[in-house]
Amino acid sequence: MDRITLDPDLCNGKPTIRGKRITVQTILEHLAAGDNKETILEQFPSLESEDIDACLNFAAQMAARNFDIYPIAA
């Protein structure tokens, strides 16, 4: 998890990879669209394979959390 950084002054505070202007969300969207690691690494040459693994690990940890859902007033 040391590869995922949170900085309120970078990318509006979204989780980024090693303080770069590449968000975890961006990488997850590429994976969801069907891109494989090799394609992503070609598109983002400053990334390493372990960065993509860290994004997946971060997403898994976020999904494991409990969320409270509140009704929205109509």
N, C-alpha and C. Protein backbone atom coordinates (compact mmCIF):
# COMPACT_ATOMS: atom_id res chain seq x y z
N MET A 1 0.81 -1.20 0.00
CA MET A 1 0.00 0.00 0.00
C MET A 1 0.85 1.26 0.00
N ASP A 2 2.14 1.14 0.12
CA ASP A 2 2.99 2.33 0.10
C ASP A 2 3.05 2.96 -1.29
N ARG A 3 2.51 2.29 -2.29
CA ARG A 3 2.49 2.84 -3.65
C ARG A 3 1.30 3.76 -3.89
N ILE A 4 0.28 3.65 -3.05
CA ILE A 4 -0.91 4.48 -3.19
C ILE A 4 -0.78 5.66 -2.23
N THR A 5 -0.89 6.86 -2.78
CA THR A 5 -0.71 8.06 -1.97
C THR A 5 -1.96 8.92 -2.00
N LEU A 6 -2.19 9.60 -0.90
CA LEU A 6 -3.30 10.55 -0.78
C LEU A 6 -2.71 11.91 -0.46
N ASP A 7 -2.95 12.87 -1.33
CA ASP A 7 -2.45 14.23 -1.14
C ASP A 7 -3.58 15.18 -1.52
N PRO A 8 -4.07 15.97 -0.59
CA PRO A 8 -5.19 16.86 -0.89
C PRO A 8 -4.87 17.87 -2.00
N ASP A 9 -3.59 18.11 -2.25
CA ASP A 9 -3.19 19.08 -3.28
C ASP A 9 -2.93 18.43 -4.64
N LEU A 10 -3.14 17.14 -4.75
CA LEU A 10 -2.87 16.42 -6.00
C LEU A 10 -4.12 15.70 -6.47
N CYS A 11 -4.57 15.99 -7.67
CA CYS A 11 -5.74 15.34 -8.27
C CYS A 11 -6.97 15.41 -7.36
N ASN A 12 -7.17 16.58 -6.76
CA ASN A 12 -8.32 16.81 -5.88
C ASN A 12 -8.40 15.83 -4.73
N GLY A 13 -7.27 15.33 -4.28
CA GLY A 13 -7.23 14.43 -3.14
C GLY A 13 -7.55 12.98 -3.45
N LYS A 14 -7.75 12.67 -4.73
CA LYS A 14 -8.02 11.27 -5.09
C LYS A 14 -6.77 10.43 -4.87
N PRO A 15 -6.93 9.14 -4.60
CA PRO A 15 -5.76 8.27 -4.45
C PRO A 15 -4.98 8.21 -5.77
N THR A 16 -3.68 8.43 -5.66
CA THR A 16 -2.81 8.39 -6.83
C THR A 16 -1.72 7.34 -6.62
N ILE A 17 -0.97 7.12 -7.67
CA ILE A 17 0.10 6.13 -7.63
C ILE A 17 1.43 6.85 -7.43
N ARG A 18 2.05 6.56 -6.30
CA ARG A 18 3.37 7.10 -5.94
C ARG A 18 3.49 8.60 -6.15
N GLY A 19 2.42 9.34 -5.84
CA GLY A 19 2.46 10.79 -5.93
C GLY A 19 2.46 11.34 -7.35
N LYS A 20 2.21 10.47 -8.32
CA LYS A 20 2.13 10.92 -9.71
C LYS A 20 0.72 11.42 -9.98
N ARG A 21 0.52 12.06 -11.08
CA ARG A 21 -0.80 12.53 -11.47
C ARG A 21 -1.58 11.44 -12.22
N ILE A 22 -1.44 10.23 -11.74
CA ILE A 22 -2.18 9.09 -12.29
C ILE A 22 -3.00 8.53 -11.13
N THR A 23 -4.32 8.58 -11.29
CA THR A 23 -5.17 8.13 -10.19
C THR A 23 -5.41 6.63 -10.24
N VAL A 24 -5.72 6.10 -9.08
CA VAL A 24 -6.11 4.69 -8.99
C VAL A 24 -7.34 4.47 -9.85
N GLN A 25 -8.26 5.41 -9.83
CA GLN A 25 -9.48 5.32 -10.62
C GLN A 25 -9.17 5.15 -12.11
N THR A 26 -8.21 5.90 -12.61
CA THR A 26 -7.84 5.81 -14.02
C THR A 26 -7.39 4.41 -14.37
N ILE A 27 -6.54 3.83 -13.54
CA ILE A 27 -6.03 2.49 -13.81
C ILE A 27 -7.15 1.46 -13.71
N LEU A 28 -8.01 1.59 -12.71
CA LEU A 28 -9.13 0.66 -12.58
C LEU A 28 -10.08 0.77 -13.77
N GLU A 29 -10.29 1.96 -14.28
CA GLU A 29 -11.15 2.14 -15.46
C GLU A 29 -10.54 1.47 -16.68
N HIS A 30 -9.23 1.55 -16.83
CA HIS A 30 -8.56 0.87 -17.94
C HIS A 30 -8.73 -0.64 -17.82
N LEU A 31 -8.55 -1.15 -16.61
CA LEU A 31 -8.72 -2.60 -16.40
C LEU A 31 -10.17 -3.01 -16.66
N ALA A 32 -11.12 -2.21 -16.20
CA ALA A 32 -12.54 -2.52 -16.41
C ALA A 32 -12.89 -2.49 -17.89
N ALA A 33 -12.19 -1.68 -18.66
CA ALA A 33 -12.44 -1.59 -20.10
C ALA A 33 -11.81 -2.74 -20.87
N GLY A 34 -11.03 -3.58 -20.16
CA GLY A 34 -10.44 -4.74 -20.80
C GLY A 34 -8.96 -4.62 -21.11
N ASP A 35 -8.35 -3.49 -20.78
CA ASP A 35 -6.91 -3.35 -21.01
C ASP A 35 -6.15 -4.28 -20.08
N ASN A 36 -5.09 -4.87 -20.58
CA ASN A 36 -4.26 -5.72 -19.73
C ASN A 36 -3.09 -4.89 -19.19
N LYS A 37 -2.32 -5.50 -18.30
CA LYS A 37 -1.21 -4.78 -17.67
C LYS A 37 -0.24 -4.22 -18.70
N GLU A 38 0.09 -5.03 -19.68
CA GLU A 38 1.07 -4.61 -20.67
C GLU A 38 0.61 -3.35 -21.42
N THR A 39 -0.67 -3.32 -21.78
CA THR A 39 -1.21 -2.16 -22.48
C THR A 39 -1.16 -0.93 -21.60
N ILE A 40 -1.54 -1.09 -20.34
CA ILE A 40 -1.53 0.04 -19.41
C ILE A 40 -0.10 0.54 -19.20
N LEU A 41 0.83 -0.37 -19.06
CA LEU A 41 2.22 0.03 -18.86
C LEU A 41 2.79 0.73 -20.09
N GLU A 42 2.31 0.38 -21.28
CA GLU A 42 2.73 1.09 -22.49
C GLU A 42 2.15 2.50 -22.51
N GLN A 43 0.90 2.65 -22.06
CA GLN A 43 0.25 3.96 -22.06
C GLN A 43 0.78 4.87 -20.96
N PHE A 44 1.25 4.28 -19.88
CA PHE A 44 1.78 5.04 -18.74
C PHE A 44 3.18 4.52 -18.43
N PRO A 45 4.17 4.93 -19.19
CA PRO A 45 5.51 4.35 -19.04
C PRO A 45 6.18 4.61 -17.69
N SER A 46 5.68 5.55 -16.90
CA SER A 46 6.28 5.79 -15.58
C SER A 46 5.78 4.80 -14.53
N LEU A 47 4.78 3.99 -14.89
CA LEU A 47 4.24 3.00 -13.95
C LEU A 47 5.03 1.70 -14.01
N GLU A 48 4.90 0.95 -12.93
CA GLU A 48 5.48 -0.39 -12.84
C GLU A 48 4.35 -1.38 -12.62
N SER A 49 4.58 -2.62 -12.93
CA SER A 49 3.58 -3.66 -12.77
C SER A 49 3.03 -3.69 -11.35
N GLU A 50 3.89 -3.47 -10.37
CA GLU A 50 3.47 -3.48 -8.97
C GLU A 50 2.49 -2.36 -8.66
N ASP A 51 2.54 -1.26 -9.43
CA ASP A 51 1.60 -0.16 -9.23
C ASP A 51 0.18 -0.61 -9.57
N ILE A 52 0.05 -1.38 -10.63
CA ILE A 52 -1.27 -1.88 -11.03
C ILE A 52 -1.79 -2.86 -9.98
N ASP A 53 -0.91 -3.71 -9.48
CA ASP A 53 -1.30 -4.63 -8.40
C ASP A 53 -1.76 -3.85 -7.18
N ALA A 54 -1.08 -2.75 -6.88
CA ALA A 54 -1.45 -1.93 -5.72
C ALA A 54 -2.83 -1.30 -5.92
N CYS A 55 -3.15 -0.92 -7.15
CA CYS A 55 -4.48 -0.37 -7.43
C CYS A 55 -5.56 -1.41 -7.18
N LEU A 56 -5.33 -2.61 -7.63
CA LEU A 56 -6.30 -3.69 -7.42
C LEU A 56 -6.44 -4.01 -5.93
N ASN A 57 -5.33 -4.03 -5.23
CA ASN A 57 -5.36 -4.28 -3.79
C ASN A 57 -6.12 -3.16 -3.07
N PHE A 58 -5.88 -1.93 -3.46
CA PHE A 58 -6.59 -0.79 -2.86
C PHE A 58 -8.09 -0.92 -3.09
N ALA A 59 -8.49 -1.26 -4.32
CA ALA A 59 -9.91 -1.41 -4.64
C ALA A 59 -10.53 -2.54 -3.82
N ALA A 60 -9.82 -3.63 -3.66
CA ALA A 60 -10.32 -4.75 -2.87
C ALA A 60 -10.52 -4.34 -1.41
N GLN A 61 -9.57 -3.59 -0.88
CA GLN A 61 -9.71 -3.14 0.50
C GLN A 61 -10.88 -2.18 0.66
N MET A 62 -11.10 -1.31 -0.31
CA MET A 62 -12.23 -0.39 -0.24
C MET A 62 -13.55 -1.16 -0.33
N ALA A 63 -13.61 -2.17 -1.17
CA ALA A 63 -14.85 -2.95 -1.33
C ALA A 63 -15.15 -3.77 -0.08
N ALA A 64 -14.14 -4.07 0.71
CA ALA A 64 -14.32 -4.88 1.91
C ALA A 64 -14.90 -4.07 3.07
N ARG A 65 -14.95 -2.77 2.92
CA ARG A 65 -15.47 -1.91 3.99
C ARG A 65 -16.99 -1.97 4.05
N ASN A 66 -17.52 -1.65 5.19
CA ASN A 66 -18.97 -1.55 5.35
C ASN A 66 -19.40 -0.12 5.04
N PHE A 67 -20.50 0.00 4.35
CA PHE A 67 -21.02 1.30 3.99
C PHE A 67 -22.43 1.43 4.53
N ASP A 68 -22.74 2.58 5.07
CA ASP A 68 -24.10 2.88 5.51
C ASP A 68 -24.83 3.57 4.38
N ILE A 69 -26.03 3.11 4.09
CA ILE A 69 -26.84 3.70 3.02
C ILE A 69 -28.03 4.39 3.66
N TYR A 70 -28.18 5.64 3.32
CA TYR A 70 -29.27 6.44 3.86
C TYR A 70 -30.23 6.82 2.73
N PRO A 71 -31.52 6.77 2.99
CA PRO A 71 -32.49 7.17 1.94
C PRO A 71 -32.37 8.67 1.66
N ILE A 72 -32.63 9.00 0.43
CA ILE A 72 -32.59 10.41 0.02
C ILE A 72 -34.01 10.93 0.04
N ALA A 73 -34.19 12.06 0.66
CA ALA A 73 -35.53 12.66 0.72
C ALA A 73 -35.96 13.07 -0.68
N ALA A 74 -37.21 12.78 -1.00
CA ALA A 74 -37.72 13.11 -2.34
C ALA A 74 -38.30 14.50 -2.38
